PDB file of N, CA and C in Angstrom:
ATOM      1  N   UNK A   1      16.681   8.015   0.870  1.00  0.00           N
ATOM      2  CA  UNK A   1      15.614   6.962   1.121  1.00  0.00           C
ATOM      3  C   UNK A   1      14.167   7.623   0.840  1.00  0.00           C
ATOM      4  N   UNK A   2      13.527   6.711  -0.110  1.00  0.00           N
ATOM      5  CA  UNK A   2      12.542   7.488  -0.515  1.00  0.00           C
ATOM      6  C   UNK A   2      11.293   7.426   0.415  1.00  0.00           C
ATOM      7  N   UNK A   3      10.799   8.845   0.530  1.00  0.00           N
ATOM      8  CA  UNK A   3       9.273   9.256   0.893  1.00  0.00           C
ATOM      9  C   UNK A   3       8.404   8.927   1.086  1.00  0.00           C
ATOM     10  N   UNK A   4       7.297   8.085   1.317  1.00  0.00           N
ATOM     11  CA  UNK A   4       6.079   7.534   1.044  1.00  0.00           C
ATOM     12  C   UNK A   4       5.105   8.283   2.327  1.00  0.00           C
ATOM     13  N   UNK A   5       3.936   8.891   1.919  1.00  0.00           N
ATOM     14  CA  UNK A   5       2.834   9.287   2.802  1.00  0.00           C
ATOM     15  C   UNK A   5       1.861   8.409   2.392  1.00  0.00           C
ATOM     16  N   UNK A   6       1.610   7.919   3.740  1.00  0.00           N
ATOM     17  CA  UNK A   6       0.120   7.112   4.054  1.00  0.00           C
ATOM     18  C   UNK A   6      -1.156   7.580   4.696  1.00  0.00           C
ATOM     19  N   UNK A   7      -2.079   7.834   3.953  1.00  0.00           N
ATOM     20  CA  UNK A   7      -3.322   8.979   4.327  1.00  0.00           C
ATOM     21  C   UNK A   7      -4.403   7.854   5.182  1.00  0.00           C
ATOM     22  N   UNK A   8      -4.384   8.103   6.235  1.00  0.00           N
ATOM     23  CA  UNK A   8      -5.462   7.541   6.869  1.00  0.00           C
ATOM     24  C   UNK A   8      -7.005   7.681   6.193  1.00  0.00           C
ATOM     25  N   UNK A   9      -8.159   6.963   6.552  1.00  0.00           N
ATOM     26  CA  UNK A   9      -9.216   7.491   6.203  1.00  0.00           C
ATOM     27  C   UNK A   9      -9.852   8.323   6.684  1.00  0.00           C
ATOM     28  N   UNK A  10      -9.638   8.973   7.675  1.00  0.00           N
ATOM     29  CA  UNK A  10      -9.863  10.182   8.064  1.00  0.00           C
ATOM     30  C   UNK A  10      -8.839  11.515   8.405  1.00  0.00           C
ATOM     31  N   UNK A  11      -8.033  11.261   6.872  1.00  0.00           N
ATOM     32  CA  UNK A  11      -7.281  12.536   6.730  1.00  0.00           C
ATOM     33  C   UNK A  11      -5.917  12.313   7.189  1.00  0.00           C
ATOM     34  N   UNK A  12      -5.625  12.057   8.484  1.00  0.00           N
ATOM     35  CA  UNK A  12      -4.544  11.897   9.273  1.00  0.00           C
ATOM     36  C   UNK A  12      -3.258  11.626   8.160  1.00  0.00           C
ATOM     37  N   UNK A  13      -2.194  12.180   7.857  1.00  0.00           N
ATOM     38  CA  UNK A  13      -0.955  12.067   7.116  1.00  0.00           C
ATOM     39  C   UNK A  13      -0.113  11.337   8.092  1.00  0.00           C
ATOM     40  N   UNK A  14       0.597  10.320   7.185  1.00  0.00           N
ATOM     41  CA  UNK A  14       2.199   9.549   7.923  1.00  0.00           C
ATOM     42  C   UNK A  14       3.044   9.692   6.946  1.00  0.00           C
ATOM     43  N   UNK A  15       4.231  10.561   7.031  1.00  0.00           N
ATOM     44  CA  UNK A  15       5.036  10.451   5.999  1.00  0.00           C
ATOM     45  C   UNK A  15       6.186   9.818   6.622  1.00  0.00           C
ATOM     46  N   UNK A  16       6.980   8.634   5.868  1.00  0.00           N
ATOM     47  CA  UNK A  16       8.000   8.058   6.415  1.00  0.00           C
ATOM     48  C   UNK A  16       8.769   7.982   5.427  1.00  0.00           C
ATOM     49  N   UNK A  17      10.262   7.728   5.766  1.00  0.00           N
ATOM     50  CA  UNK A  17      11.445   7.324   4.994  1.00  0.00           C
ATOM     51  C   UNK A  17      11.483   5.688   4.812  1.00  0.00           C
ATOM     52  N   UNK A  18      11.125   5.015   3.606  1.00  0.00           N
ATOM     53  CA  UNK A  18      11.540   3.681   3.669  1.00  0.00           C
ATOM     54  C   UNK A  18      12.090   3.069   2.919  1.00  0.00           C
ATOM     55  N   UNK A  19      13.164   2.104   3.417  1.00  0.00           N
ATOM     56  CA  UNK A  19      14.212   1.619   2.682  1.00  0.00           C
ATOM     57  C   UNK A  19      13.975   1.084   1.189  1.00  0.00           C
ATOM     58  N   UNK A  20      14.705   1.254   0.338  1.00  0.00           N
ATOM     59  CA  UNK A  20      14.857   0.399  -1.174  1.00  0.00           C
ATOM     60  C   UNK A  20      15.392  -1.169  -0.641  1.00  0.00           C
ATOM     61  N   UNK A  21      13.968  -1.687  -1.242  1.00  0.00           N
ATOM     62  CA  UNK A  21      13.958  -3.227  -0.908  1.00  0.00           C
ATOM     63  C   UNK A  21      12.971  -3.606  -0.447  1.00  0.00           C
ATOM     64  N   UNK A  22      12.539  -2.698   0.673  1.00  0.00           N
ATOM     65  CA  UNK A  22      11.147  -2.922   1.345  1.00  0.00           C
ATOM     66  C   UNK A  22      10.373  -3.010   0.480  1.00  0.00           C
ATOM     67  N   UNK A  23       8.887  -3.656   1.193  1.00  0.00           N
ATOM     68  CA  UNK A  23       7.498  -3.480   0.508  1.00  0.00           C
ATOM     69  C   UNK A  23       7.079  -2.087   1.142  1.00  0.00           C
ATOM     70  N   UNK A  24       6.071  -1.536   0.263  1.00  0.00           N
ATOM     71  CA  UNK A  24       4.809  -0.390   0.857  1.00  0.00           C
ATOM     72  C   UNK A  24       4.870  -1.039   2.118  1.00  0.00           C
ATOM     73  N   UNK A  25       4.200  -2.004   2.007  1.00  0.00           N
ATOM     74  CA  UNK A  25       3.460  -2.730   3.541  1.00  0.00           C
ATOM     75  C   UNK A  25       4.699  -2.543   4.517  1.00  0.00           C
ATOM     76  N   UNK A  26       5.681  -3.271   4.267  1.00  0.00           N
ATOM     77  CA  UNK A  26       6.859  -3.136   5.401  1.00  0.00           C
ATOM     78  C   UNK A  26       6.986  -1.955   5.738  1.00  0.00           C
ATOM     79  N   UNK A  27       6.901  -0.613   4.970  1.00  0.00           N
ATOM     80  CA  UNK A  27       7.219   0.818   5.516  1.00  0.00           C
ATOM     81  C   UNK A  27       5.924   0.890   6.241  1.00  0.00           C
ATOM     82  N   UNK A  28       5.030   0.925   6.066  1.00  0.00           N
ATOM     83  CA  UNK A  28       3.996   1.103   7.461  1.00  0.00           C
ATOM     84  C   UNK A  28       3.795   0.127   8.425  1.00  0.00           C
ATOM     85  N   UNK A  29       4.057  -0.722   8.238  1.00  0.00           N
ATOM     86  CA  UNK A  29       4.131  -1.615   9.674  1.00  0.00           C
ATOM     87  C   UNK A  29       5.554  -1.203  10.413  1.00  0.00           C
ATOM     88  N   UNK A  30       6.448  -0.594  10.153  1.00  0.00           N
ATOM     89  CA  UNK A  30       7.793  -0.614  10.691  1.00  0.00           C
ATOM     90  C   UNK A  30       7.287   0.952  11.541  1.00  0.00           C
ATOM     91  N   UNK A  31       6.656   1.550  10.709  1.00  0.00           N
ATOM     92  CA  UNK A  31       6.378   2.886  11.490  1.00  0.00           C
ATOM     93  C   UNK A  31       5.124   2.604  11.803  1.00  0.00           C
ATOM     94  N   UNK A  32       4.513   1.993  12.340  1.00  0.00           N
ATOM     95  CA  UNK A  32       3.000   1.782  13.352  1.00  0.00           C
ATOM     96  C   UNK A  32       1.694   2.811  12.073  1.00  0.00           C
ATOM     97  N   UNK A  33       2.303   2.619  11.008  1.00  0.00           N
ATOM     98  CA  UNK A  33       0.772   3.308  10.424  1.00  0.00           C
ATOM     99  C   UNK A  33      -0.453   2.847  10.801  1.00  0.00           C
ATOM    100  N   UNK A  34      -1.419   3.206  11.327  1.00  0.00           N
ATOM    101  CA  UNK A  34      -2.989   2.976  11.277  1.00  0.00           C
ATOM    102  C   UNK A  34      -3.386   2.710  10.286  1.00  0.00           C
ATOM    103  N   UNK A  35      -4.316   1.375   9.982  1.00  0.00           N
ATOM    104  CA  UNK A  35      -4.852   1.103   8.785  1.00  0.00           C
ATOM    105  C   UNK A  35      -4.110   0.109   7.859  1.00  0.00           C
ATOM    106  N   UNK A  36      -2.707  -0.402   7.998  1.00  0.00           N
ATOM    107  CA  UNK A  36      -2.202  -1.229   7.297  1.00  0.00           C
ATOM    108  C   UNK A  36      -2.269  -2.188   8.160  1.00  0.00           C
ATOM    109  N   UNK A  37      -2.977  -3.456   8.196  1.00  0.00           N
ATOM    110  CA  UNK A  37      -2.934  -4.728   9.131  1.00  0.00           C
ATOM    111  C   UNK A  37      -1.954  -5.649   8.802  1.00  0.00           C
ATOM    112  N   UNK A  38      -1.850  -5.845   7.642  1.00  0.00           N
ATOM    113  CA  UNK A  38      -0.778  -6.838   7.200  1.00  0.00           C
ATOM    114  C   UNK A  38      -0.834  -8.149   7.865  1.00  0.00           C
ATOM    115  N   UNK A  39      -2.239  -8.848   7.754  1.00  0.00           N
ATOM    116  CA  UNK A  39      -2.138  -9.991   8.674  1.00  0.00           C
ATOM    117  C   UNK A  39      -1.495 -10.958   8.347  1.00  0.00           C
ATOM    118  N   UNK A  40      -1.214 -11.296   6.884  1.00  0.00           N
ATOM    119  CA  UNK A  40      -0.435 -12.640   6.577  1.00  0.00           C
ATOM    120  C   UNK A  40       1.083 -12.192   6.392  1.00  0.00           C
ATOM    121  N   UNK A  41       1.626 -10.755   6.765  1.00  0.00           N
ATOM    122  CA  UNK A  41       2.944 -10.624   7.072  1.00  0.00           C
ATOM    123  C   UNK A  41       3.546 -10.538   5.521  1.00  0.00           C
ATOM    124  N   UNK A  42       2.817 -10.161   4.562  1.00  0.00           N
ATOM    125  CA  UNK A  42       3.094  -9.921   3.313  1.00  0.00           C
ATOM    126  C   UNK A  42       3.308 -11.018   2.128  1.00  0.00           C
ATOM    127  N   UNK A  43       2.658 -11.980   2.444  1.00  0.00           N
ATOM    128  CA  UNK A  43       2.319 -13.331   1.719  1.00  0.00           C
ATOM    129  C   UNK A  43       1.496 -13.105   0.292  1.00  0.00           C
ATOM    130  N   UNK A  44       0.938 -12.076   0.490  1.00  0.00           N
ATOM    131  CA  UNK A  44      -0.572 -11.781  -0.632  1.00  0.00           C
ATOM    132  C   UNK A  44      -1.501 -12.887  -0.574  1.00  0.00           C
ATOM    133  N   UNK A  45      -1.705 -13.409   0.784  1.00  0.00           N
ATOM    134  CA  UNK A  45      -2.852 -14.452   1.140  1.00  0.00           C
ATOM    135  C   UNK A  45      -3.735 -13.837   1.933  1.00  0.00           C
ATOM    136  N   UNK A  46      -3.749 -12.164   2.087  1.00  0.00           N
ATOM    137  CA  UNK A  46      -4.864 -11.652   2.379  1.00  0.00           C
ATOM    138  C   UNK A  46      -5.354 -10.222   1.639  1.00  0.00           C
ATOM    139  N   UNK A  47      -5.788  -9.561   2.272  1.00  0.00           N
ATOM    140  CA  UNK A  47      -6.063  -8.268   1.512  1.00  0.00           C
ATOM    141  C   UNK A  47      -6.162  -6.863   2.678  1.00  0.00           C
ATOM    142  N   UNK A  48      -5.302  -7.339   3.851  1.00  0.00           N
ATOM    143  CA  UNK A  48      -5.440  -6.442   5.068  1.00  0.00           C
ATOM    144  C   UNK A  48      -4.192  -4.942   4.870  1.00  0.00           C
ATOM    145  N   UNK A  49      -3.801  -5.210   3.766  1.00  0.00           N
ATOM    146  CA  UNK A  49      -2.796  -4.213   3.509  1.00  0.00           C
ATOM    147  C   UNK A  49      -3.157  -3.127   2.144  1.00  0.00           C
ATOM    148  N   UNK A  50      -4.450  -3.591   1.900  1.00  0.00           N
ATOM    149  CA  UNK A  50      -5.062  -2.574   0.843  1.00  0.00           C
ATOM    150  C   UNK A  50      -5.056  -1.155   0.946  1.00  0.00           C
ATOM    151  N   UNK A  51      -4.492  -0.477  -0.105  1.00  0.00           N
ATOM    152  CA  UNK A  51      -4.819   0.964   0.006  1.00  0.00           C
ATOM    153  C   UNK A  51      -4.704   1.356  -1.611  1.00  0.00           C
ATOM    154  N   UNK A  52      -5.059   2.689  -1.773  1.00  0.00           N
ATOM    155  CA  UNK A  52      -5.432   3.384  -3.282  1.00  0.00           C
ATOM    156  C   UNK A  52      -4.705   4.410  -3.250  1.00  0.00           C
ATOM    157  N   UNK A  53      -3.797   4.028  -4.483  1.00  0.00           N
ATOM    158  CA  UNK A  53      -2.677   4.853  -4.694  1.00  0.00           C
ATOM    159  C   UNK A  53      -3.109   5.688  -5.373  1.00  0.00           C
ATOM    160  N   UNK A  54      -2.704   7.411  -5.084  1.00  0.00           N
ATOM    161  CA  UNK A  54      -3.050   8.494  -5.529  1.00  0.00           C
ATOM    162  C   UNK A  54      -3.041   8.347  -7.384  1.00  0.00           C
ATOM    163  N   UNK A  55      -4.083   9.105  -7.842  1.00  0.00           N
ATOM    164  CA  UNK A  55      -4.154   8.816  -9.293  1.00  0.00           C
ATOM    165  C   UNK A  55      -2.895   9.512 -10.072  1.00  0.00           C
ATOM    166  N   UNK A  56      -2.030  10.259  -9.300  1.00  0.00           N
ATOM    167  CA  UNK A  56      -0.978  10.840 -10.405  1.00  0.00           C
ATOM    168  C   UNK A  56       0.065   9.623 -10.191  1.00  0.00           C
ATOM    169  N   UNK A  57      -0.012   8.692  -9.111  1.00  0.00           N
ATOM    170  CA  UNK A  57       0.922   7.276  -9.222  1.00  0.00           C
ATOM    171  C   UNK A  57       0.648   6.230  -9.727  1.00  0.00           C
ATOM    172  N   UNK A  58      -0.318   5.805 -10.030  1.00  0.00           N
ATOM    173  CA  UNK A  58      -1.009   4.825 -10.807  1.00  0.00           C
ATOM    174  C   UNK A  58      -0.149   4.404 -11.744  1.00  0.00           C
ATOM    175  N   UNK A  59       0.073   5.157 -12.752  1.00  0.00           N
ATOM    176  CA  UNK A  59       0.903   4.396 -13.881  1.00  0.00           C
ATOM    177  C   UNK A  59       2.172   4.480 -14.054  1.00  0.00           C
ATOM    178  N   UNK A  60       2.659   4.712 -12.836  1.00  0.00           N
ATOM    179  CA  UNK A  60       4.251   4.584 -12.095  1.00  0.00           C
ATOM    180  C   UNK A  60       4.579   3.953 -11.641  1.00  0.00           C
ATOM    181  N   UNK A  61       3.753   2.544 -11.016  1.00  0.00           N
ATOM    182  CA  UNK A  61       4.034   1.830 -10.443  1.00  0.00           C
ATOM    183  C   UNK A  61       3.844   0.324 -11.182  1.00  0.00           C
ATOM    184  N   UNK A  62       4.647  -0.698 -11.032  1.00  0.00           N
ATOM    185  CA  UNK A  62       4.455  -1.932 -11.969  1.00  0.00           C
ATOM    186  C   UNK A  62       2.881  -2.450 -12.007  1.00  0.00           C
ATOM    187  N   UNK A  63       2.449  -3.370 -12.815  1.00  0.00           N
ATOM    188  CA  UNK A  63       1.094  -3.638 -13.003  1.00  0.00           C
ATOM    189  C   UNK A  63       0.791  -4.935 -12.118  1.00  0.00           C
ATOM    190  N   UNK A  64      -0.296  -4.903 -11.877  1.00  0.00           N
ATOM    191  CA  UNK A  64      -0.647  -5.601 -10.514  1.00  0.00           C
ATOM    192  C   UNK A  64      -0.711  -7.316 -11.036  1.00  0.00           C
ATOM    193  N   UNK A  65      -0.122  -8.098 -10.714  1.00  0.00           N
ATOM    194  CA  UNK A  65       0.036  -9.433 -11.121  1.00  0.00           C
ATOM    195  C   UNK A  65      -1.088 -10.303 -10.766  1.00  0.00           C
ATOM    196  N   UNK A  66      -1.297 -11.357 -11.123  1.00  0.00           N
ATOM    197  CA  UNK A  66      -2.549 -12.053 -11.188  1.00  0.00           C
ATOM    198  C   UNK A  66      -3.291 -12.856  -9.981  1.00  0.00           C
ATOM    199  N   UNK A  67      -2.190 -12.837  -8.986  1.00  0.00           N
ATOM    200  CA  UNK A  67      -2.285 -13.323  -7.539  1.00  0.00           C
ATOM    201  C   UNK A  67      -3.118 -12.098  -6.768  1.00  0.00           C
ATOM    202  N   UNK A  68      -2.381 -10.846  -6.972  1.00  0.00           N
ATOM    203  CA  UNK A  68      -2.612  -9.604  -6.510  1.00  0.00           C
ATOM    204  C   UNK A  68      -4.161  -9.630  -6.766  1.00  0.00           C
ATOM    205  N   UNK A  69      -4.063  -9.138  -8.040  1.00  0.00           N
ATOM    206  CA  UNK A  69      -5.586  -9.221  -8.714  1.00  0.00           C
ATOM    207  C   UNK A  69      -6.731 -10.160  -7.662  1.00  0.00           C
ATOM    208  N   UNK A  70      -6.478 -10.986  -7.526  1.00  0.00           N
ATOM    209  CA  UNK A  70      -7.389 -12.354  -7.281  1.00  0.00           C
ATOM    210  C   UNK A  70      -7.594 -11.659  -5.652  1.00  0.00           C
ATOM    211  N   UNK A  71      -6.454 -11.429  -4.927  1.00  0.00           N
ATOM    212  CA  UNK A  71      -6.541 -11.151  -3.607  1.00  0.00           C
ATOM    213  C   UNK A  71      -7.726  -9.775  -3.283  1.00  0.00           C
ATOM    214  N   UNK A  72      -7.323  -8.519  -4.268  1.00  0.00           N
ATOM    215  CA  UNK A  72      -8.015  -7.421  -4.281  1.00  0.00           C
ATOM    216  C   UNK A  72      -9.824  -7.807  -4.164  1.00  0.00           C
ATOM    217  N   UNK A  73      -9.783  -9.016  -4.776  1.00  0.00           N
ATOM    218  CA  UNK A  73     -11.665  -9.205  -4.796  1.00  0.00           C
ATOM    219  C   UNK A  73     -11.779  -9.281  -3.550  1.00  0.00           C
ATOM    220  N   UNK A  74     -11.000  -9.833  -2.130  1.00  0.00           N
ATOM    221  CA  UNK A  74     -11.575  -9.762  -0.885  1.00  0.00           C
ATOM    222  C   UNK A  74     -11.188  -8.601  -0.310  1.00  0.00           C
ATOM    223  N   UNK A  75     -10.673  -7.380  -0.776  1.00  0.00           N
ATOM    224  CA  UNK A  75     -10.697  -6.106  -0.027  1.00  0.00           C
ATOM    225  C   UNK A  75     -11.704  -5.106   0.294  1.00  0.00           C
ATOM    226  N   UNK A  76     -11.788  -4.374   0.883  1.00  0.00           N
ATOM    227  CA  UNK A  76     -13.034  -3.606   1.166  1.00  0.00           C
ATOM    228  C   UNK A  76     -12.899  -2.662  -0.305  1.00  0.00           C
ATOM    229  N   UNK A  77     -13.816  -2.455  -0.868  1.00  0.00           N
ATOM    230  CA  UNK A  77     -14.409  -1.563  -1.683  1.00  0.00           C
ATOM    231  C   UNK A  77     -13.147  -1.207  -2.824  1.00  0.00           C
ATOM    232  N   UNK A  78     -12.756  -2.324  -3.238  1.00  0.00           N
ATOM    233  CA  UNK A  78     -11.617  -2.155  -4.174  1.00  0.00           C
ATOM    234  C   UNK A  78     -11.873  -1.483  -5.518  1.00  0.00           C
ATOM    235  N   UNK A  79     -10.916  -0.471  -6.043  1.00  0.00           N
ATOM    236  CA  UNK A  79     -11.215   0.016  -7.498  1.00  0.00           C
ATOM    237  C   UNK A  79      -9.941   0.310  -8.164  1.00  0.00           C
ATOM    238  N   UNK A  80      -9.933   0.724  -8.957  1.00  0.00           N
ATOM    239  CA  UNK A  80      -8.798   0.955 -10.074  1.00  0.00           C
ATOM    240  C   UNK A  80      -7.676   1.360  -9.521  1.00  0.00           C
ATOM    241  N   UNK A  81      -7.419   1.826  -8.139  1.00  0.00           N
ATOM    242  CA  UNK A  81      -6.660   2.402  -7.899  1.00  0.00           C
ATOM    243  C   UNK A  81      -5.872   1.471  -6.625  1.00  0.00           C
ATOM    244  N   UNK A  82      -6.661   0.553  -6.265  1.00  0.00           N
ATOM    245  CA  UNK A  82      -5.992  -0.421  -5.766  1.00  0.00           C
ATOM    246  C   UNK A  82      -5.126  -1.175  -5.568  1.00  0.00           C
ATOM    247  N   UNK A  83      -4.038  -1.297  -4.230  1.00  0.00           N
ATOM    248  CA  UNK A  83      -2.793  -2.301  -4.660  1.00  0.00           C
ATOM    249  C   UNK A  83      -2.996  -3.090  -3.015  1.00  0.00           C
ATOM    250  N   UNK A  84      -2.399  -4.116  -2.908  1.00  0.00           N
ATOM    251  CA  UNK A  84      -1.508  -4.532  -2.221  1.00  0.00           C
ATOM    252  C   UNK A  84      -0.401  -3.969  -1.843  1.00  0.00           C
ATOM    253  N   UNK A  85      -0.413  -3.351  -0.611  1.00  0.00           N
ATOM    254  CA  UNK A  85       0.871  -2.811  -0.292  1.00  0.00           C
ATOM    255  C   UNK A  85       1.871  -3.582  -0.139  1.00  0.00           C
ATOM    256  N   UNK A  86       1.611  -5.040   0.156  1.00  0.00           N
ATOM    257  CA  UNK A  86       2.890  -6.055   0.448  1.00  0.00           C
ATOM    258  C   UNK A  86       3.524  -6.315  -1.251  1.00  0.00           C
ATOM    259  N   UNK A  87       2.743  -6.118  -1.958  1.00  0.00           N
ATOM    260  CA  UNK A  87       3.243  -6.425  -3.557  1.00  0.00           C
ATOM    261  C   UNK A  87       3.578  -5.130  -4.217  1.00  0.00           C
ATOM    262  N   UNK A  88       4.090  -4.327  -3.826  1.00  0.00           N
ATOM    263  CA  UNK A  88       4.706  -3.239  -4.097  1.00  0.00           C
ATOM    264  C   UNK A  88       5.891  -2.705  -3.499  1.00  0.00           C
ATOM    265  N   UNK A  89       7.344  -2.871  -4.233  1.00  0.00           N
ATOM    266  CA  UNK A  89       8.682  -3.071  -3.461  1.00  0.00           C
ATOM    267  C   UNK A  89       9.123  -1.547  -3.654  1.00  0.00           C
ATOM    268  N   UNK A  90       9.508  -0.966  -2.617  1.00  0.00           N
ATOM    269  CA  UNK A  90      10.099   0.493  -2.805  1.00  0.00           C
ATOM    270  C   UNK A  90      11.367   0.531  -3.591  1.00  0.00           C
ATOM    271  N   UNK A  91      11.406   1.239  -4.469  1.00  0.00           N
ATOM    272  CA  UNK A  91      12.267   1.776  -5.259  1.00  0.00           C
ATOM    273  C   UNK A  91      12.577   3.216  -4.859  1.00  0.00           C
ATOM    274  N   UNK A  92      14.100   3.627  -5.718  1.00  0.00           N
ATOM    275  CA  UNK A  92      14.103   5.159  -5.326  1.00  0.00           C
ATOM    276  C   UNK A  92      12.736   5.560  -6.166  1.00  0.00           C
ATOM    277  N   UNK A  93      12.418   5.267  -7.279  1.00  0.00           N
ATOM    278  CA  UNK A  93      11.580   5.965  -7.921  1.00  0.00           C
ATOM    279  C   UNK A  93      10.408   6.438  -7.506  1.00  0.00           C
ATOM    280  N   UNK A  94      10.026   5.617  -6.297  1.00  0.00           N
ATOM    281  CA  UNK A  94       9.003   5.838  -5.765  1.00  0.00           C
ATOM    282  C   UNK A  94       8.836   6.812  -4.405  1.00  0.00           C
ATOM    283  N   UNK A  95       9.737   7.452  -4.694  1.00  0.00           N
ATOM    284  CA  UNK A  95      10.012   8.703  -3.590  1.00  0.00           C
ATOM    285  C   UNK A  95       8.581  10.036  -3.922  1.00  0.00           C
ATOM    286  N   UNK A  96       8.179  10.071  -3.047  1.00  0.00           N
ATOM    287  CA  UNK A  96       6.754  10.610  -2.963  1.00  0.00           C
ATOM    288  C   UNK A  96       5.410   9.804  -3.374  1.00  0.00           C
ATOM    289  N   UNK A  97       5.742   8.784  -3.341  1.00  0.00           N
ATOM    290  CA  UNK A  97       4.203   7.987  -3.403  1.00  0.00           C
ATOM    291  C   UNK A  97       3.066   8.488  -2.305  1.00  0.00           C
ATOM    292  N   UNK A  98       1.741   8.543  -2.346  1.00  0.00           N
ATOM    293  CA  UNK A  98       0.839   9.077  -1.773  1.00  0.00           C
ATOM    294  C   UNK A  98      -0.211   8.071  -1.962  1.00  0.00           C
ATOM    295  N   UNK A  99      -0.418   7.310  -0.408  1.00  0.00           N
ATOM    296  CA  UNK A  99      -1.655   6.191  -0.525  1.00  0.00           C
ATOM    297  C   UNK A  99      -2.404   6.991   0.226  1.00  0.00           C
ATOM    298  N   UNK A 100      -3.649   6.373  -0.467  1.00  0.00           N
ATOM    299  CA  UNK A 100      -5.057   6.767   0.560  1.00  0.00           C
ATOM    300  C   UNK A 100      -5.556   5.451   1.279  1.00  0.00           C
ATOM    301  N   UNK A 101      -5.729   5.275   2.274  1.00  0.00           N
ATOM    302  CA  UNK A 101      -5.906   3.931   3.315  1.00  0.00           C
ATOM    303  C   UNK A 101      -7.696   4.029   3.329  1.00  0.00           C
ATOM    304  N   UNK A 102      -7.946   2.734   3.100  1.00  0.00           N
ATOM    305  CA  UNK A 102      -9.412   2.536   3.100  1.00  0.00           C
ATOM    306  C   UNK A 102     -10.244   2.611   4.574  1.00  0.00           C
ATOM    307  N   UNK A 103     -11.344   2.877   4.673  1.00  0.00           N
ATOM    308  CA  UNK A 103     -12.027   2.887   5.667  1.00  0.00           C
ATOM    309  C   UNK A 103     -11.938   1.924   7.024  1.00  0.00           C
ATOM    310  N   UNK A 104     -11.653   0.823   6.204  1.00  0.00           N
ATOM    311  CA  UNK A 104     -11.341  -0.649   6.897  1.00  0.00           C
ATOM    312  C   UNK A 104     -10.857  -1.693   6.044  1.00  0.00           C
ATOM    313  N   UNK A 105      -9.845  -2.549   6.607  1.00  0.00           N
ATOM    314  CA  UNK A 105      -9.227  -3.393   6.264  1.00  0.00           C
ATOM    315  C   UNK A 105     -10.177  -4.624   6.600  1.00  0.00           C
ATOM    316  N   UNK A 106     -10.406  -5.643   5.355  1.00  0.00           N
ATOM    317  CA  UNK A 106     -11.123  -7.123   5.674  1.00  0.00           C
ATOM    318  C   UNK A 106     -10.499  -8.365   5.289  1.00  0.00           C
TER     319      UNK A 106
END
């Protein structure tokens, strides 16, 4: 199972095995990672699963689709590394993925 590291805004790290086929958001929610609220349950209808992808992983993820781009406009301080974790499907190739969580979710 791929291991994904979620880093809270305060620097606390949470590393978990996440099953292939789940989303990165589901991996956080299933493991009670603080900082991923996932209010819409993964429907890409909010921005409360926003995270910053570690710079060395940005180009390894599939490109953002239009709907994700639109929802990121509502995220707290989005930047070029921003992703909605509900839109990133876990694959074996994501083993070692590192995400930083924003100060807050809105």
